[in-house]
Amino acid sequence: MDTKTTALVPLTIRAVASPHTRRTYSRGLRAFLAWTEDAGQASFSRDTVLAYLDHLRHKGASAVTINQHLTAIKLLAKEAGARGMAHQDVQSITSIPGIRQHGVRMGHWLSQEQAQSLLQAPDGAHPRGKRDRALLALLFGCALRRAEAAAVTVEHIQVLDGRAVIHDLIGKGGRVRTVPMPAWAHERVLEWLEAAEITEGPVLRPVNKAGRSNGRGMTDSGIYWVVKGYAEQLGFECAPHDLRRTFGKLGLKGGADIRQIQKTYGHSAQATTERYLATDLDLEHPACDYLGVEG
C-alpha cells in the first residue's frame, strides 16, 4: 500500500468518538495494511478490499469481525476521498456490502455462584481492593460497559427519590440514561471514594504501589485486565461484557421485568435486549428434555 494511504490511518481513527472503537478500528486497519504488504497489493481499491475480506473468511473470522474491519476500511476510503482520491474509487469501496450474520450468538455469562465469588475476590482491606470492589460493582451491579464505567464521575453518583443512581450517563451511540444502583454497589463506590479522598472527577482511577491514586481516570483497557485477572485467579473465564450479560441473565431468572433490564442496558428497543440475552432459548426447559427416550 502506498505511504500516502498509510499516513491517513491516524486521521481516520481520530474522527471516531469512542476510545474503544478507535482501538478496534486501528487494529483492523493495521491488519489490513500488513496484509496488503504481505500479499503484494499495492493499490487501495475495491478489488484489494474484496481480496482482504476473502482472506478473513478463509481464516475463519466471524461476521462481526469482518464487518468491523470493513467499516474501518470504508472510513479510510472516505478520508482518502477528502484528500484527493477519485470519487468513483471511494464509492466502489464504500459500497461493498457487509457480511450478514445468521442467528444470534449466545455469548458468555456467569452463574450466580461465580458472580458472587468474583465480587468477593478483591481484598477490601487495601486501596486497590476497594477500587476493584467499586469497579466490579459498576460493571455487574449497574450493567455498565467498560467504557461507561471508565466515564463515571463523582458528579454522576446521585440519589433520586431515595434511590442511588448514575445520573445522565452518556453511553453507546450518545444515548443518555440514568442507571439505578443496588444498595451494595452504591456502598462499595462510596467506600472507595472515601478511602481515596476523591470528591470530584473520575470514580475509577489507577492505584500505585503505595496505594495512592491520582486525578487520571482508568482506561477501559485497564478495566478489562482487572476483571480478567480476578477471574483467572478463580479459575474461570470472564471479561467485563460478560458481567453486563450476567446482570440480565440473573435479573430475568430472578423475576426482573425485561423492560427495566432494557432501560438499564440503554438499548433503544426491547427486541435488542431479547436478542442480546437470547431469551427465546430456554436452557432450563429445552426441547431435548421432552423426547421421552434415552440413548
C-alpha atoms as a PDB file:
ATOM      1  CA  MET A   1       0.000   0.000   0.000  1.00  0.00           C
ATOM      2  CA  ASP A   2       1.297   3.459  -0.831  1.00  0.00           C
ATOM      3  CA  THR A   3       2.653   5.586   2.028  1.00  0.00           C
ATOM      4  CA  LYS A   4       0.052   8.310   1.385  1.00  0.00           C
ATOM      5  CA  THR A   5      -2.793   5.947   2.262  1.00  0.00           C
ATOM      6  CA  THR A   6      -0.917   4.566   5.267  1.00  0.00           C
ATOM      7  CA  ALA A   7      -0.401   8.102   6.576  1.00  0.00           C
ATOM      8  CA  LEU A   8      -4.187   8.634   6.580  1.00  0.00           C
ATOM      9  CA  VAL A   9      -4.772   5.984   9.250  1.00  0.00           C
ATOM     10  CA  PRO A  10      -4.245   8.293  12.291  1.00  0.00           C
ATOM     11  CA  LEU A  11      -6.528  10.903  10.699  1.00  0.00           C
ATOM     12  CA  THR A  12      -9.203   8.271  10.086  1.00  0.00           C
ATOM     13  CA  ILE A  13      -9.082   6.996  13.672  1.00  0.00           C
ATOM     14  CA  ARG A  14      -9.085  10.492  15.145  1.00  0.00           C
ATOM     15  CA  ALA A  15     -12.548  11.119  13.706  1.00  0.00           C
ATOM     16  CA  VAL A  16     -14.048   8.252  15.763  1.00  0.00           C
ATOM     17  CA  ALA A  17     -15.546   9.341  19.095  1.00  0.00           C
ATOM     18  CA  SER A  18     -15.381   6.146  21.191  1.00  0.00           C
ATOM     19  CA  PRO A  19     -11.908   5.202  22.540  1.00  0.00           C
ATOM     20  CA  HIS A  20     -12.827   1.515  22.361  1.00  0.00           C
ATOM     21  CA  THR A  21     -13.977   1.835  18.740  1.00  0.00           C
ATOM     22  CA  ARG A  22     -10.820   3.780  17.881  1.00  0.00           C
ATOM     23  CA  ARG A  23      -8.692   0.906  19.153  1.00  0.00           C
ATOM     24  CA  THR A  24     -10.807  -1.673  17.313  1.00  0.00           C
ATOM     25  CA  TYR A  25     -10.636   0.221  14.014  1.00  0.00           C
ATOM     26  CA  SER A  26      -6.932   0.925  14.475  1.00  0.00           C
ATOM     27  CA  ARG A  27      -6.224  -2.801  14.900  1.00  0.00           C
ATOM     28  CA  GLY A  28      -8.353  -3.557  11.864  1.00  0.00           C
ATOM     29  CA  LEU A  29      -6.563  -1.046   9.651  1.00  0.00           C
ATOM     30  CA  ARG A  30      -3.130  -2.180  10.829  1.00  0.00           C
ATOM     31  CA  ALA A  31      -4.094  -5.763   9.992  1.00  0.00           C
ATOM     32  CA  PHE A  32      -5.384  -4.683   6.570  1.00  0.00           C
ATOM     33  CA  LEU A  33      -2.238  -2.736   5.725  1.00  0.00           C
ATOM     34  CA  ALA A  34       0.013  -5.553   6.936  1.00  0.00           C
ATOM     35  CA  TRP A  35      -1.890  -7.988   4.730  1.00  0.00           C
ATOM     36  CA  THR A  36      -1.612  -5.733   1.657  1.00  0.00           C
ATOM     37  CA  GLU A  37       2.149  -5.615   2.147  1.00  0.00           C
ATOM     38  CA  ASP A  38       2.477  -9.385   2.595  1.00  0.00           C
ATOM     39  CA  ALA A  39       0.173 -10.070  -0.359  1.00  0.00           C
ATOM     40  CA  GLY A  40       1.877  -7.545  -2.605  1.00  0.00           C
ATOM     41  CA  GLN A  41      -1.283  -5.476  -3.016  1.00  0.00           C
ATOM     42  CA  ALA A  42      -0.030  -2.016  -3.917  1.00  0.00           C
ATOM     43  CA  SER A  43      -3.296  -0.195  -4.642  1.00  0.00           C
ATOM     44  CA  PHE A  44      -6.144   0.838  -2.362  1.00  0.00           C
ATOM     45  CA  SER A  45      -9.024  -0.400  -4.486  1.00  0.00           C
ATOM     46  CA  ARG A  46     -12.262  -2.363  -4.360  1.00  0.00           C
ATOM     47  CA  ASP A  47     -10.501  -5.489  -5.621  1.00  0.00           C
ATOM     48  CA  THR A  48      -7.882  -5.217  -2.867  1.00  0.00           C
ATOM     49  CA  VAL A  49     -10.539  -4.842  -0.181  1.00  0.00           C
ATOM     50  CA  LEU A  50     -12.579  -7.766  -1.508  1.00  0.00           C
ATOM     51  CA  ALA A  51      -9.459  -9.937  -1.559  1.00  0.00           C
ATOM     52  CA  TYR A  52      -8.779  -8.987   2.063  1.00  0.00           C
ATOM     53  CA  LEU A  53     -12.332  -9.904   3.088  1.00  0.00           C
ATOM     54  CA  ASP A  54     -11.879 -13.300   1.422  1.00  0.00           C
ATOM     55  CA  HIS A  55      -8.643 -13.680   3.409  1.00  0.00           C
ATOM     56  CA  LEU A  56     -10.520 -13.027   6.654  1.00  0.00           C
ATOM     57  CA  ARG A  57     -13.234 -15.536   5.721  1.00  0.00           C
ATOM     58  CA  HIS A  58     -10.673 -18.238   4.992  1.00  0.00           C
ATOM     59  CA  LYS A  59      -9.069 -17.543   8.390  1.00  0.00           C
ATOM     60  CA  GLY A  60     -12.449 -18.252   9.983  1.00  0.00           C
ATOM     61  CA  ALA A  61     -13.124 -14.699  11.180  1.00  0.00           C
ATOM     62  CA  SER A  62     -16.681 -14.088  12.386  1.00  0.00           C
ATOM     63  CA  ALA A  63     -19.135 -11.865  10.533  1.00  0.00           C
ATOM     64  CA  VAL A  64     -18.813  -9.293  13.327  1.00  0.00           C
ATOM     65  CA  THR A  65     -15.019  -9.148  12.982  1.00  0.00           C
ATOM     66  CA  ILE A  66     -15.146  -8.919   9.194  1.00  0.00           C
ATOM     67  CA  ASN A  67     -17.712  -6.130   9.321  1.00  0.00           C
ATOM     68  CA  GLN A  68     -15.635  -4.203  11.865  1.00  0.00           C
ATOM     69  CA  HIS A  69     -12.618  -4.373   9.559  1.00  0.00           C
ATOM     70  CA  LEU A  70     -14.759  -3.371   6.576  1.00  0.00           C
ATOM     71  CA  THR A  71     -16.235  -0.383   8.407  1.00  0.00           C
ATOM     72  CA  ALA A  72     -12.747   0.839   9.320  1.00  0.00           C
ATOM     73  CA  ILE A  73     -11.597   0.416   5.703  1.00  0.00           C
ATOM     74  CA  LYS A  74     -14.607   2.367   4.437  1.00  0.00           C
ATOM     75  CA  LEU A  75     -13.736   5.217   6.809  1.00  0.00           C
ATOM     76  CA  LEU A  76     -10.199   5.142   5.462  1.00  0.00           C
ATOM     77  CA  ALA A  77     -11.576   5.395   1.922  1.00  0.00           C
ATOM     78  CA  LYS A  78     -13.712   8.402   2.874  1.00  0.00           C
ATOM     79  CA  GLU A  79     -10.674  10.093   4.416  1.00  0.00           C
ATOM     80  CA  ALA A  80      -8.709   9.353   1.233  1.00  0.00           C
ATOM     81  CA  GLY A  81     -11.555  10.805  -0.805  1.00  0.00           C
ATOM     82  CA  ALA A  82     -11.441  14.024   1.185  1.00  0.00           C
ATOM     83  CA  ARG A  83      -7.768  14.276   0.262  1.00  0.00           C
ATOM     84  CA  GLY A  84      -7.882  13.619  -3.461  1.00  0.00           C
ATOM     85  CA  MET A  85      -8.842  10.003  -4.093  1.00  0.00           C
ATOM     86  CA  ALA A  86     -11.198   9.793  -7.075  1.00  0.00           C
ATOM     87  CA  HIS A  87     -14.883   9.809  -6.106  1.00  0.00           C
ATOM     88  CA  GLN A  88     -15.670   6.668  -8.111  1.00  0.00           C
ATOM     89  CA  ASP A  89     -12.852   4.803  -6.350  1.00  0.00           C
ATOM     90  CA  VAL A  90     -14.137   5.871  -2.936  1.00  0.00           C
ATOM     91  CA  GLN A  91     -17.681   4.886  -3.914  1.00  0.00           C
ATOM     92  CA  SER A  92     -16.545   1.492  -5.172  1.00  0.00           C
ATOM     93  CA  ILE A  93     -15.079   0.705  -1.712  1.00  0.00           C
ATOM     94  CA  THR A  94     -17.784   2.243   0.474  1.00  0.00           C
ATOM     95  CA  SER A  95     -20.496   0.385  -1.462  1.00  0.00           C
ATOM     96  CA  ILE A  96     -19.106  -3.041  -0.530  1.00  0.00           C
ATOM     97  CA  PRO A  97     -21.851  -4.770   1.481  1.00  0.00           C
ATOM     98  CA  GLY A  98     -21.187  -6.149   4.922  1.00  0.00           C
ATOM     99  CA  ILE A  99     -21.399  -9.831   5.809  1.00  0.00           C
ATOM    100  CA  ARG A 100     -24.778 -10.963   7.074  1.00  0.00           C
ATOM    101  CA  GLN A 101     -24.720 -12.965  10.273  1.00  0.00           C
ATOM    102  CA  HIS A 102     -27.471 -15.552  10.565  1.00  0.00           C
ATOM    103  CA  GLY A 103     -28.678 -16.456  14.022  1.00  0.00           C
ATOM    104  CA  VAL A 104     -27.686 -14.917  17.344  1.00  0.00           C
ATOM    105  CA  ARG A 105     -24.531 -15.609  19.341  1.00  0.00           C
ATOM    106  CA  MET A 106     -25.309 -16.774  22.865  1.00  0.00           C
ATOM    107  CA  GLY A 107     -22.337 -15.041  24.418  1.00  0.00           C
ATOM    108  CA  HIS A 108     -20.987 -15.939  27.842  1.00  0.00           C
ATOM    109  CA  TRP A 109     -22.295 -15.273  31.315  1.00  0.00           C
ATOM    110  CA  LEU A 110     -21.557 -16.354  34.880  1.00  0.00           C
ATOM    111  CA  SER A 111     -23.585 -18.434  37.268  1.00  0.00           C
ATOM    112  CA  GLN A 112     -24.861 -16.744  40.410  1.00  0.00           C
ATOM    113  CA  GLU A 113     -22.151 -18.514  42.425  1.00  0.00           C
ATOM    114  CA  GLN A 114     -19.398 -17.374  40.050  1.00  0.00           C
ATOM    115  CA  ALA A 115     -20.679 -13.805  40.080  1.00  0.00           C
ATOM    116  CA  GLN A 116     -20.739 -13.801  43.879  1.00  0.00           C
ATOM    117  CA  SER A 117     -17.212 -15.197  44.137  1.00  0.00           C
ATOM    118  CA  LEU A 118     -15.915 -12.599  41.669  1.00  0.00           C
ATOM    119  CA  LEU A 119     -17.491  -9.743  43.628  1.00  0.00           C
ATOM    120  CA  GLN A 120     -15.845 -11.030  46.807  1.00  0.00           C
ATOM    121  CA  ALA A 121     -12.420 -11.590  45.219  1.00  0.00           C
ATOM    122  CA  PRO A 122     -10.846  -8.123  45.814  1.00  0.00           C
ATOM    123  CA  ASP A 123      -9.279  -7.545  49.233  1.00  0.00           C
ATOM    124  CA  GLY A 124     -11.272  -4.661  50.681  1.00  0.00           C
ATOM    125  CA  ALA A 125      -8.581  -4.001  53.297  1.00  0.00           C
ATOM    126  CA  HIS A 126      -6.315  -2.398  50.702  1.00  0.00           C
ATOM    127  CA  PRO A 127      -6.891   0.681  48.486  1.00  0.00           C
ATOM    128  CA  ARG A 128      -6.561  -1.237  45.233  1.00  0.00           C
ATOM    129  CA  GLY A 129      -9.027  -3.822  46.503  1.00  0.00           C
ATOM    130  CA  LYS A 130     -11.503  -1.097  47.441  1.00  0.00           C
ATOM    131  CA  ARG A 131     -11.128   0.357  43.941  1.00  0.00           C
ATOM    132  CA  ASP A 132     -11.667  -3.045  42.362  1.00  0.00           C
ATOM    133  CA  ARG A 133     -14.722  -3.708  44.522  1.00  0.00           C
ATOM    134  CA  ALA A 134     -16.224  -0.467  43.204  1.00  0.00           C
ATOM    135  CA  LEU A 135     -15.191  -1.372  39.652  1.00  0.00           C
ATOM    136  CA  LEU A 136     -16.927  -4.752  39.753  1.00  0.00           C
ATOM    137  CA  ALA A 137     -19.987  -3.179  41.366  1.00  0.00           C
ATOM    138  CA  LEU A 138     -20.353  -0.756  38.455  1.00  0.00           C
ATOM    139  CA  LEU A 139     -19.836  -3.421  35.795  1.00  0.00           C
ATOM    140  CA  PHE A 140     -22.097  -6.073  37.287  1.00  0.00           C
ATOM    141  CA  GLY A 141     -24.475  -4.285  39.649  1.00  0.00           C
ATOM    142  CA  CYS A 142     -25.162  -1.478  37.153  1.00  0.00           C
ATOM    143  CA  ALA A 143     -24.575  -3.417  33.903  1.00  0.00           C
ATOM    144  CA  LEU A 144     -22.182  -0.823  32.518  1.00  0.00           C
ATOM    145  CA  ARG A 145     -19.966  -1.263  29.508  1.00  0.00           C
ATOM    146  CA  ARG A 146     -16.316  -0.859  30.480  1.00  0.00           C
ATOM    147  CA  ALA A 147     -16.039   2.455  28.591  1.00  0.00           C
ATOM    148  CA  GLU A 148     -19.081   3.683  30.517  1.00  0.00           C
ATOM    149  CA  ALA A 149     -17.585   2.587  33.842  1.00  0.00           C
ATOM    150  CA  ALA A 150     -14.400   4.483  32.964  1.00  0.00           C
ATOM    151  CA  ALA A 151     -16.519   7.575  32.239  1.00  0.00           C
ATOM    152  CA  VAL A 152     -18.451   7.584  35.536  1.00  0.00           C
ATOM    153  CA  THR A 153     -17.607  10.610  37.686  1.00  0.00           C
ATOM    154  CA  VAL A 154     -18.419  11.542  41.251  1.00  0.00           C
ATOM    155  CA  GLU A 155     -20.918  14.014  39.840  1.00  0.00           C
ATOM    156  CA  HIS A 156     -22.842  11.178  38.184  1.00  0.00           C
ATOM    157  CA  ILE A 157     -23.489   9.457  41.524  1.00  0.00           C
ATOM    158  CA  GLN A 158     -26.693  10.929  42.917  1.00  0.00           C
ATOM    159  CA  VAL A 159     -29.723   9.969  44.992  1.00  0.00           C
ATOM    160  CA  LEU A 160     -33.099  10.472  43.318  1.00  0.00           C
ATOM    161  CA  ASP A 161     -36.377   9.590  45.045  1.00  0.00           C
ATOM    162  CA  GLY A 162     -34.424   7.701  47.693  1.00  0.00           C
ATOM    163  CA  ARG A 163     -32.561   5.580  45.119  1.00  0.00           C
ATOM    164  CA  ALA A 164     -28.855   5.837  44.338  1.00  0.00           C
ATOM    165  CA  VAL A 165     -28.353   6.261  40.598  1.00  0.00           C
ATOM    166  CA  ILE A 166     -25.749   7.036  37.980  1.00  0.00           C
ATOM    167  CA  HIS A 167     -27.407  10.152  36.628  1.00  0.00           C
ATOM    168  CA  ASP A 168     -27.387  11.195  32.970  1.00  0.00           C
ATOM    169  CA  LEU A 169     -24.661   8.813  31.843  1.00  0.00           C
ATOM    170  CA  ILE A 170     -23.758   9.133  28.168  1.00  0.00           C
ATOM    171  CA  GLY A 171     -23.481   5.667  26.679  1.00  0.00           C
ATOM    172  CA  LYS A 172     -23.107   3.987  23.324  1.00  0.00           C
ATOM    173  CA  GLY A 173     -24.400   5.986  20.400  1.00  0.00           C
ATOM    174  CA  GLY A 174     -24.527   9.121  22.537  1.00  0.00           C
ATOM    175  CA  ARG A 175     -27.684   7.900  24.299  1.00  0.00           C
ATOM    176  CA  VAL A 176     -28.200   9.384  27.758  1.00  0.00           C
ATOM    177  CA  ARG A 177     -29.686   7.261  30.528  1.00  0.00           C
ATOM    178  CA  THR A 178     -29.958   7.148  34.309  1.00  0.00           C
ATOM    179  CA  VAL A 179     -28.910   3.817  35.813  1.00  0.00           C
ATOM    180  CA  PRO A 180     -30.282   2.603  39.186  1.00  0.00           C
ATOM    181  CA  MET A 181     -27.653   1.294  41.591  1.00  0.00           C
ATOM    182  CA  PRO A 182     -28.207  -1.595  44.015  1.00  0.00           C
ATOM    183  CA  ALA A 183     -27.526  -0.510  47.594  1.00  0.00           C
ATOM    184  CA  TRP A 184     -24.445  -2.732  47.870  1.00  0.00           C
ATOM    185  CA  ALA A 185     -22.919  -1.264  44.723  1.00  0.00           C
ATOM    186  CA  HIS A 186     -23.511   2.274  45.965  1.00  0.00           C
ATOM    187  CA  GLU A 187     -21.857   1.390  49.276  1.00  0.00           C
ATOM    188  CA  ARG A 188     -18.800  -0.042  47.516  1.00  0.00           C
ATOM    189  CA  VAL A 189     -18.393   3.084  45.406  1.00  0.00           C
ATOM    190  CA  LEU A 190     -18.721   5.355  48.438  1.00  0.00           C
ATOM    191  CA  GLU A 191     -16.191   3.267  50.411  1.00  0.00           C
ATOM    192  CA  TRP A 192     -13.675   3.645  47.608  1.00  0.00           C
ATOM    193  CA  LEU A 193     -14.281   7.380  47.188  1.00  0.00           C
ATOM    194  CA  GLU A 194     -13.875   7.982  50.914  1.00  0.00           C
ATOM    195  CA  ALA A 195     -10.729   5.846  51.183  1.00  0.00           C
ATOM    196  CA  ALA A 196      -9.127   7.552  48.173  1.00  0.00           C
ATOM    197  CA  GLU A 197     -10.375  11.017  49.238  1.00  0.00           C
ATOM    198  CA  ILE A 198     -11.955  11.545  45.825  1.00  0.00           C
ATOM    199  CA  THR A 199     -14.526  14.331  45.786  1.00  0.00           C
ATOM    200  CA  GLU A 200     -14.824  15.076  42.076  1.00  0.00           C
ATOM    201  CA  GLY A 201     -13.867  13.738  38.686  1.00  0.00           C
ATOM    202  CA  PRO A 202     -13.476  10.097  37.626  1.00  0.00           C
ATOM    203  CA  VAL A 203     -14.577   7.460  40.110  1.00  0.00           C
ATOM    204  CA  LEU A 204     -12.246   4.714  38.857  1.00  0.00           C
ATOM    205  CA  ARG A 205      -8.553   5.644  38.901  1.00  0.00           C
ATOM    206  CA  PRO A 206      -5.206   3.866  38.735  1.00  0.00           C
ATOM    207  CA  VAL A 207      -3.719   2.956  42.116  1.00  0.00           C
ATOM    208  CA  ASN A 208       0.071   2.888  42.563  1.00  0.00           C
ATOM    209  CA  LYS A 209       2.092   0.500  44.726  1.00  0.00           C
ATOM    210  CA  ALA A 210       1.814   2.874  47.655  1.00  0.00           C
ATOM    211  CA  GLY A 211      -1.983   2.665  47.444  1.00  0.00           C
ATOM    212  CA  ARG A 212      -2.463   6.216  46.156  1.00  0.00           C
ATOM    213  CA  SER A 213      -4.468   7.329  43.146  1.00  0.00           C
ATOM    214  CA  ASN A 214      -4.155  10.424  41.004  1.00  0.00           C
ATOM    215  CA  GLY A 215      -6.625  12.545  39.086  1.00  0.00           C
ATOM    216  CA  ARG A 216      -6.475  10.452  35.939  1.00  0.00           C
ATOM    217  CA  GLY A 217      -9.277   8.047  35.221  1.00  0.00           C
ATOM    218  CA  MET A 218      -8.761   4.379  34.355  1.00  0.00           C
ATOM    219  CA  THR A 219      -8.833   3.355  30.729  1.00  0.00           C
ATOM    220  CA  ASP A 220     -11.368   0.794  29.593  1.00  0.00           C
ATOM    221  CA  SER A 221      -8.398  -1.427  28.721  1.00  0.00           C
ATOM    222  CA  GLY A 222      -7.221  -1.205  32.340  1.00  0.00           C
ATOM    223  CA  ILE A 223     -10.701  -2.182  33.494  1.00  0.00           C
ATOM    224  CA  TYR A 224     -10.641  -5.184  31.174  1.00  0.00           C
ATOM    225  CA  TRP A 225      -7.442  -6.572  32.687  1.00  0.00           C
ATOM    226  CA  VAL A 226      -8.664  -6.103  36.258  1.00  0.00           C
ATOM    227  CA  VAL A 227     -11.695  -8.284  35.548  1.00  0.00           C
ATOM    228  CA  LYS A 228      -9.675 -10.872  33.629  1.00  0.00           C
ATOM    229  CA  GLY A 229      -7.145 -11.055  36.458  1.00  0.00           C
ATOM    230  CA  TYR A 230      -9.659 -11.829  39.191  1.00  0.00           C
ATOM    231  CA  ALA A 231     -11.496 -14.345  37.001  1.00  0.00           C
ATOM    232  CA  GLU A 232      -8.256 -16.196  36.274  1.00  0.00           C
ATOM    233  CA  GLN A 233      -7.495 -16.342  39.984  1.00  0.00           C
ATOM    234  CA  LEU A 234     -10.873 -18.007  40.493  1.00  0.00           C
ATOM    235  CA  GLY A 235     -10.359 -20.444  37.647  1.00  0.00           C
ATOM    236  CA  PHE A 236     -12.902 -19.295  35.068  1.00  0.00           C
ATOM    237  CA  GLU A 237     -13.109 -17.025  32.041  1.00  0.00           C
ATOM    238  CA  CYS A 238     -14.762 -13.637  32.353  1.00  0.00           C
ATOM    239  CA  ALA A 239     -14.478 -10.299  30.549  1.00  0.00           C
ATOM    240  CA  PRO A 240     -16.240  -7.058  31.516  1.00  0.00           C
ATOM    241  CA  HIS A 241     -19.012  -7.543  28.960  1.00  0.00           C
ATOM    242  CA  ASP A 242     -19.771 -10.961  30.429  1.00  0.00           C
ATOM    243  CA  LEU A 243     -20.728  -9.212  33.662  1.00  0.00           C
ATOM    244  CA  ARG A 244     -23.157  -6.995  31.745  1.00  0.00           C
ATOM    245  CA  ARG A 245     -24.773 -10.068  30.200  1.00  0.00           C
ATOM    246  CA  THR A 246     -24.790 -11.839  33.589  1.00  0.00           C
ATOM    247  CA  PHE A 247     -26.729  -8.884  35.018  1.00  0.00           C
ATOM    248  CA  GLY A 248     -29.527  -9.501  32.531  1.00  0.00           C
ATOM    249  CA  LYS A 249     -29.497 -13.287  32.768  1.00  0.00           C
ATOM    250  CA  LEU A 250     -29.659 -13.347  36.565  1.00  0.00           C
ATOM    251  CA  GLY A 251     -32.138 -10.471  36.608  1.00  0.00           C
ATOM    252  CA  LEU A 252     -34.533 -12.306  34.300  1.00  0.00           C
ATOM    253  CA  LYS A 253     -34.158 -15.510  36.286  1.00  0.00           C
ATOM    254  CA  GLY A 254     -34.916 -13.599  39.479  1.00  0.00           C
ATOM    255  CA  GLY A 255     -38.089 -12.074  38.039  1.00  0.00           C
ATOM    256  CA  ALA A 256     -36.963  -8.656  36.788  1.00  0.00           C
ATOM    257  CA  ASP A 257     -39.069  -7.016  34.077  1.00  0.00           C
ATOM    258  CA  ILE A 258     -37.194  -7.204  30.772  1.00  0.00           C
ATOM    259  CA  ARG A 259     -38.241  -3.609  30.056  1.00  0.00           C
ATOM    260  CA  GLN A 260     -36.340  -2.477  33.137  1.00  0.00           C
ATOM    261  CA  ILE A 261     -33.307  -4.508  32.026  1.00  0.00           C
ATOM    262  CA  GLN A 262     -33.595  -2.794  28.647  1.00  0.00           C
ATOM    263  CA  LYS A 263     -33.594   0.647  30.308  1.00  0.00           C
ATOM    264  CA  THR A 264     -30.580  -0.255  32.434  1.00  0.00           C
ATOM    265  CA  TYR A 265     -28.701  -1.527  29.381  1.00  0.00           C
ATOM    266  CA  GLY A 266     -29.543   1.584  27.402  1.00  0.00           C
ATOM    267  CA  HIS A 267     -30.966  -0.387  24.475  1.00  0.00           C
ATOM    268  CA  SER A 268     -33.292   1.643  22.268  1.00  0.00           C
ATOM    269  CA  ALA A 269     -35.662  -1.291  21.753  1.00  0.00           C
ATOM    270  CA  GLN A 270     -36.759  -4.269  23.830  1.00  0.00           C
ATOM    271  CA  ALA A 271     -36.108  -6.550  20.857  1.00  0.00           C
ATOM    272  CA  THR A 272     -32.409  -5.671  21.108  1.00  0.00           C
ATOM    273  CA  THR A 273     -32.362  -6.789  24.737  1.00  0.00           C
ATOM    274  CA  GLU A 274     -34.174 -10.014  23.862  1.00  0.00           C
ATOM    275  CA  ARG A 275     -31.640 -10.819  21.126  1.00  0.00           C
ATOM    276  CA  TYR A 276     -28.756  -9.871  23.424  1.00  0.00           C
ATOM    277  CA  LEU A 277     -29.947 -12.269  26.127  1.00  0.00           C
ATOM    278  CA  ALA A 278     -31.249 -14.902  23.673  1.00  0.00           C
ATOM    279  CA  THR A 279     -34.494 -15.052  25.624  1.00  0.00           C
ATOM    280  CA  ASP A 280     -36.121 -17.342  23.056  1.00  0.00           C
ATOM    281  CA  LEU A 281     -33.780 -20.209  24.046  1.00  0.00           C
ATOM    282  CA  ASP A 282     -34.711 -21.778  27.388  1.00  0.00           C
ATOM    283  CA  LEU A 283     -31.749 -23.781  28.648  1.00  0.00           C
ATOM    284  CA  GLU A 284     -33.640 -24.887  31.757  1.00  0.00           C
ATOM    285  CA  HIS A 285     -36.503 -26.453  29.780  1.00  0.00           C
ATOM    286  CA  PRO A 286     -35.104 -27.177  26.297  1.00  0.00           C
ATOM    287  CA  ALA A 287     -36.969 -29.295  23.761  1.00  0.00           C
ATOM    288  CA  CYS A 288     -34.399 -32.109  24.083  1.00  0.00           C
ATOM    289  CA  ASP A 289     -35.657 -32.856  27.610  1.00  0.00           C
ATOM    290  CA  TYR A 290     -39.092 -33.863  26.277  1.00  0.00           C
ATOM    291  CA  LEU A 291     -38.101 -36.594  23.816  1.00  0.00           C
ATOM    292  CA  GLY A 292     -39.195 -39.451  26.055  1.00  0.00           C
ATOM    293  CA  VAL A 293     -36.256 -41.675  25.091  1.00  0.00           C
ATOM    294  CA  GLU A 294     -32.735 -42.262  26.337  1.00  0.00           C
ATOM    295  CA  GLY A 295     -29.660 -43.257  24.357  1.00  0.00           C
END
